[in-house]
């Protein structure tokens, strides 16, 4: 799907809160050609001027509504790093 298709779908969804649209567009802007990106929640919040809890809520809602998938990523020592997000 091209960029216009992504945004037409997200804009047309009247059930989707504005925080979700904002976070989705942010992720789309940072995604690679396959639709994957991995910014940290702290980074997303700082860049968008949102609280971390608002970003977490938006990400969870986007996952629940089928707009993205979220996978945990780990460092070689086993500690957690930023999640991998894939836009659907």
N, C-alpha and C. Protein backbone atom coordinates (compact mmCIF):
# COMPACT_ATOMS: atom_id res chain seq x y z
N UNK A 1 0.84 -1.17 0.00
CA UNK A 1 0.00 0.00 0.00
C UNK A 1 0.89 1.24 0.00
N UNK A 2 0.55 2.22 -0.80
CA UNK A 2 1.35 3.44 -0.83
C UNK A 2 1.02 4.33 0.37
N UNK A 3 1.80 5.40 0.53
CA UNK A 3 1.63 6.28 1.67
C UNK A 3 0.23 6.88 1.73
N UNK A 4 -0.30 7.28 0.60
CA UNK A 4 -1.63 7.86 0.57
C UNK A 4 -2.66 6.88 1.12
N UNK A 5 -2.55 5.62 0.76
CA UNK A 5 -3.47 4.61 1.26
C UNK A 5 -3.40 4.45 2.77
N UNK A 6 -2.19 4.49 3.32
CA UNK A 6 -2.04 4.41 4.77
C UNK A 6 -2.79 5.55 5.44
N UNK A 7 -2.56 6.75 4.99
CA UNK A 7 -3.15 7.91 5.64
C UNK A 7 -4.64 8.02 5.38
N UNK A 8 -5.12 7.65 4.21
CA UNK A 8 -6.56 7.68 3.96
C UNK A 8 -7.28 6.76 4.93
N UNK A 9 -6.72 5.59 5.18
CA UNK A 9 -7.33 4.64 6.10
C UNK A 9 -7.35 5.19 7.52
N UNK A 10 -6.26 5.73 7.97
CA UNK A 10 -6.15 6.22 9.34
C UNK A 10 -7.03 7.46 9.53
N UNK A 11 -7.09 8.33 8.54
CA UNK A 11 -7.93 9.54 8.66
C UNK A 11 -9.41 9.19 8.63
N UNK A 12 -9.78 8.18 7.88
CA UNK A 12 -11.19 7.82 7.72
C UNK A 12 -11.76 7.09 8.93
N UNK A 13 -10.92 6.56 9.78
CA UNK A 13 -11.39 5.80 10.94
C UNK A 13 -11.85 6.77 12.03
N UNK A 14 -13.15 7.01 12.09
CA UNK A 14 -13.69 7.96 13.05
C UNK A 14 -13.68 7.43 14.49
N UNK A 15 -13.46 6.14 14.67
CA UNK A 15 -13.40 5.54 16.01
C UNK A 15 -12.01 5.67 16.63
N UNK A 16 -11.03 6.01 15.82
CA UNK A 16 -9.64 6.05 16.27
C UNK A 16 -9.34 7.39 16.93
N UNK A 17 -8.92 7.39 18.21
CA UNK A 17 -8.61 8.65 18.89
C UNK A 17 -7.45 9.39 18.22
N UNK A 18 -7.43 10.70 18.38
CA UNK A 18 -6.39 11.50 17.74
C UNK A 18 -4.99 11.10 18.20
N UNK A 19 -4.85 10.65 19.45
CA UNK A 19 -3.52 10.23 19.92
C UNK A 19 -3.01 9.06 19.09
N UNK A 20 -3.92 8.16 18.70
CA UNK A 20 -3.53 7.00 17.89
C UNK A 20 -3.12 7.43 16.49
N UNK A 21 -3.87 8.35 15.92
CA UNK A 21 -3.53 8.84 14.58
C UNK A 21 -2.17 9.52 14.60
N UNK A 22 -1.93 10.31 15.63
CA UNK A 22 -0.65 11.02 15.75
C UNK A 22 0.52 10.04 15.86
N UNK A 23 0.38 9.05 16.73
CA UNK A 23 1.45 8.06 16.92
C UNK A 23 1.64 7.22 15.66
N UNK A 24 0.55 6.83 15.01
CA UNK A 24 0.64 6.04 13.78
C UNK A 24 1.39 6.81 12.70
N UNK A 25 1.06 8.06 12.51
CA UNK A 25 1.72 8.87 11.49
C UNK A 25 3.20 9.04 11.83
N UNK A 26 3.52 9.20 13.10
CA UNK A 26 4.91 9.27 13.55
C UNK A 26 5.66 7.99 13.18
N UNK A 27 5.05 6.84 13.48
CA UNK A 27 5.69 5.57 13.16
C UNK A 27 5.86 5.40 11.65
N UNK A 28 4.84 5.78 10.89
CA UNK A 28 4.92 5.67 9.43
C UNK A 28 6.07 6.51 8.89
N UNK A 29 6.25 7.69 9.47
CA UNK A 29 7.32 8.58 9.04
C UNK A 29 8.70 7.98 9.30
N UNK A 30 8.81 7.14 10.30
CA UNK A 30 10.10 6.55 10.67
C UNK A 30 10.29 5.11 10.20
N UNK A 31 9.27 4.56 9.58
CA UNK A 31 9.33 3.15 9.15
C UNK A 31 10.19 2.98 7.90
N UNK A 32 10.79 1.79 7.78
CA UNK A 32 11.53 1.44 6.58
C UNK A 32 10.52 1.01 5.50
N UNK A 33 10.98 0.69 4.30
CA UNK A 33 10.05 0.33 3.22
C UNK A 33 9.15 -0.87 3.54
N UNK A 34 9.56 -1.72 4.47
CA UNK A 34 8.72 -2.87 4.83
C UNK A 34 7.69 -2.52 5.90
N UNK A 35 7.72 -1.27 6.40
CA UNK A 35 6.77 -0.85 7.42
C UNK A 35 7.23 -1.11 8.84
N UNK A 36 8.52 -1.35 9.04
CA UNK A 36 9.06 -1.63 10.37
C UNK A 36 9.84 -0.45 10.93
N UNK A 37 9.71 -0.24 12.22
CA UNK A 37 10.51 0.77 12.92
C UNK A 37 10.60 0.39 14.39
N UNK A 38 11.48 1.03 15.12
CA UNK A 38 11.71 0.62 16.51
C UNK A 38 12.07 1.80 17.42
N UNK A 39 11.35 2.92 17.35
CA UNK A 39 11.65 4.01 18.28
C UNK A 39 11.20 3.66 19.69
N UNK A 40 11.90 4.17 20.67
CA UNK A 40 11.51 3.95 22.06
C UNK A 40 10.31 4.81 22.44
N UNK A 41 9.57 4.38 23.43
CA UNK A 41 8.40 5.13 23.89
C UNK A 41 8.82 6.52 24.38
N UNK A 42 9.92 6.61 25.08
CA UNK A 42 10.42 7.90 25.56
C UNK A 42 10.71 8.84 24.39
N UNK A 43 11.28 8.31 23.34
CA UNK A 43 11.59 9.12 22.15
C UNK A 43 10.31 9.59 21.46
N UNK A 44 9.36 8.68 21.29
CA UNK A 44 8.09 9.04 20.65
C UNK A 44 7.41 10.14 21.47
N UNK A 45 7.35 9.96 22.78
CA UNK A 45 6.70 10.93 23.66
C UNK A 45 7.38 12.30 23.56
N UNK A 46 8.70 12.31 23.62
CA UNK A 46 9.43 13.58 23.55
C UNK A 46 9.22 14.27 22.20
N UNK A 47 9.32 13.51 21.12
CA UNK A 47 9.17 14.09 19.78
C UNK A 47 7.77 14.64 19.54
N UNK A 48 6.75 13.99 20.10
CA UNK A 48 5.37 14.40 19.86
C UNK A 48 4.80 15.32 20.95
N UNK A 49 5.55 15.50 22.03
CA UNK A 49 5.05 16.33 23.13
C UNK A 49 3.90 15.67 23.87
N UNK A 50 3.93 14.34 23.94
CA UNK A 50 2.90 13.57 24.64
C UNK A 50 3.53 12.91 25.86
N UNK A 51 2.70 12.49 26.80
CA UNK A 51 3.23 11.75 27.94
C UNK A 51 3.52 10.32 27.51
N UNK A 52 4.40 9.66 28.25
CA UNK A 52 4.71 8.26 27.96
C UNK A 52 3.47 7.39 28.09
N UNK A 53 2.63 7.67 29.06
CA UNK A 53 1.42 6.86 29.24
C UNK A 53 0.46 7.05 28.06
N UNK A 54 0.38 8.24 27.51
CA UNK A 54 -0.46 8.47 26.33
C UNK A 54 0.06 7.70 25.13
N UNK A 55 1.38 7.69 24.95
CA UNK A 55 1.99 6.94 23.85
C UNK A 55 1.73 5.44 24.03
N UNK A 56 1.93 4.93 25.24
CA UNK A 56 1.67 3.51 25.50
C UNK A 56 0.22 3.14 25.21
N UNK A 57 -0.70 4.00 25.66
CA UNK A 57 -2.12 3.75 25.42
C UNK A 57 -2.41 3.75 23.92
N UNK A 58 -1.85 4.71 23.19
CA UNK A 58 -2.07 4.78 21.74
C UNK A 58 -1.51 3.54 21.04
N UNK A 59 -0.32 3.11 21.42
CA UNK A 59 0.28 1.93 20.80
C UNK A 59 -0.57 0.69 21.07
N UNK A 60 -1.04 0.53 22.29
CA UNK A 60 -1.88 -0.62 22.61
C UNK A 60 -3.19 -0.59 21.83
N UNK A 61 -3.77 0.58 21.69
CA UNK A 61 -5.01 0.70 20.91
C UNK A 61 -4.77 0.39 19.44
N UNK A 62 -3.65 0.86 18.90
CA UNK A 62 -3.33 0.58 17.49
C UNK A 62 -3.14 -0.92 17.26
N UNK A 63 -2.53 -1.60 18.23
CA UNK A 63 -2.37 -3.05 18.13
C UNK A 63 -3.75 -3.72 18.18
N UNK A 64 -4.57 -3.33 19.14
CA UNK A 64 -5.90 -3.93 19.30
C UNK A 64 -6.77 -3.72 18.06
N UNK A 65 -6.61 -2.58 17.40
CA UNK A 65 -7.44 -2.26 16.24
C UNK A 65 -6.84 -2.79 14.93
N UNK A 66 -5.67 -3.44 15.02
CA UNK A 66 -5.08 -4.08 13.86
C UNK A 66 -4.26 -3.17 12.95
N UNK A 67 -3.90 -1.99 13.43
CA UNK A 67 -3.10 -1.07 12.62
C UNK A 67 -1.60 -1.37 12.68
N UNK A 68 -1.17 -2.05 13.74
CA UNK A 68 0.24 -2.42 13.83
C UNK A 68 0.41 -3.63 14.72
N UNK A 69 1.56 -4.26 14.58
CA UNK A 69 1.95 -5.34 15.49
C UNK A 69 3.17 -4.85 16.26
N UNK A 70 3.34 -5.40 17.45
CA UNK A 70 4.43 -5.00 18.33
C UNK A 70 5.14 -6.25 18.79
N UNK A 71 6.46 -6.27 18.66
CA UNK A 71 7.28 -7.40 19.10
C UNK A 71 8.39 -6.88 20.01
N UNK A 72 8.59 -7.58 21.12
CA UNK A 72 9.68 -7.21 22.03
C UNK A 72 11.02 -7.52 21.37
N UNK A 73 12.00 -6.66 21.65
CA UNK A 73 13.37 -6.89 21.16
C UNK A 73 14.29 -6.93 22.38
N UNK A 74 15.35 -7.72 22.27
CA UNK A 74 16.26 -7.90 23.39
C UNK A 74 17.70 -7.72 22.96
N UNK A 75 18.51 -7.22 23.87
CA UNK A 75 19.95 -7.09 23.64
C UNK A 75 20.61 -8.47 23.83
N UNK A 76 21.85 -8.57 23.45
CA UNK A 76 22.56 -9.85 23.57
C UNK A 76 22.67 -10.31 25.02
N UNK A 77 22.62 -9.38 25.98
CA UNK A 77 22.69 -9.77 27.40
C UNK A 77 21.32 -10.12 27.98
N UNK A 78 20.28 -10.08 27.14
CA UNK A 78 18.95 -10.46 27.57
C UNK A 78 18.06 -9.32 28.05
N UNK A 79 18.64 -8.13 28.18
CA UNK A 79 17.82 -7.00 28.63
C UNK A 79 16.94 -6.48 27.48
N UNK A 80 15.83 -5.90 27.85
CA UNK A 80 14.85 -5.40 26.87
C UNK A 80 15.34 -4.10 26.25
N UNK A 81 15.11 -3.95 24.97
CA UNK A 81 15.37 -2.70 24.26
C UNK A 81 14.05 -2.25 23.64
N UNK A 82 14.08 -1.30 22.75
CA UNK A 82 12.82 -0.80 22.18
C UNK A 82 12.09 -1.91 21.41
N UNK A 83 10.78 -1.77 21.33
CA UNK A 83 9.96 -2.74 20.61
C UNK A 83 10.10 -2.55 19.10
N UNK A 84 9.80 -3.59 18.37
CA UNK A 84 9.73 -3.52 16.91
C UNK A 84 8.25 -3.33 16.56
N UNK A 85 7.95 -2.30 15.79
CA UNK A 85 6.58 -2.03 15.35
C UNK A 85 6.50 -2.28 13.85
N UNK A 86 5.46 -2.96 13.43
CA UNK A 86 5.21 -3.19 12.01
C UNK A 86 3.83 -2.66 11.66
N UNK A 87 3.81 -1.72 10.74
CA UNK A 87 2.55 -1.15 10.30
C UNK A 87 1.83 -2.15 9.40
N UNK A 88 0.55 -2.31 9.63
CA UNK A 88 -0.25 -3.27 8.84
C UNK A 88 -0.93 -2.59 7.68
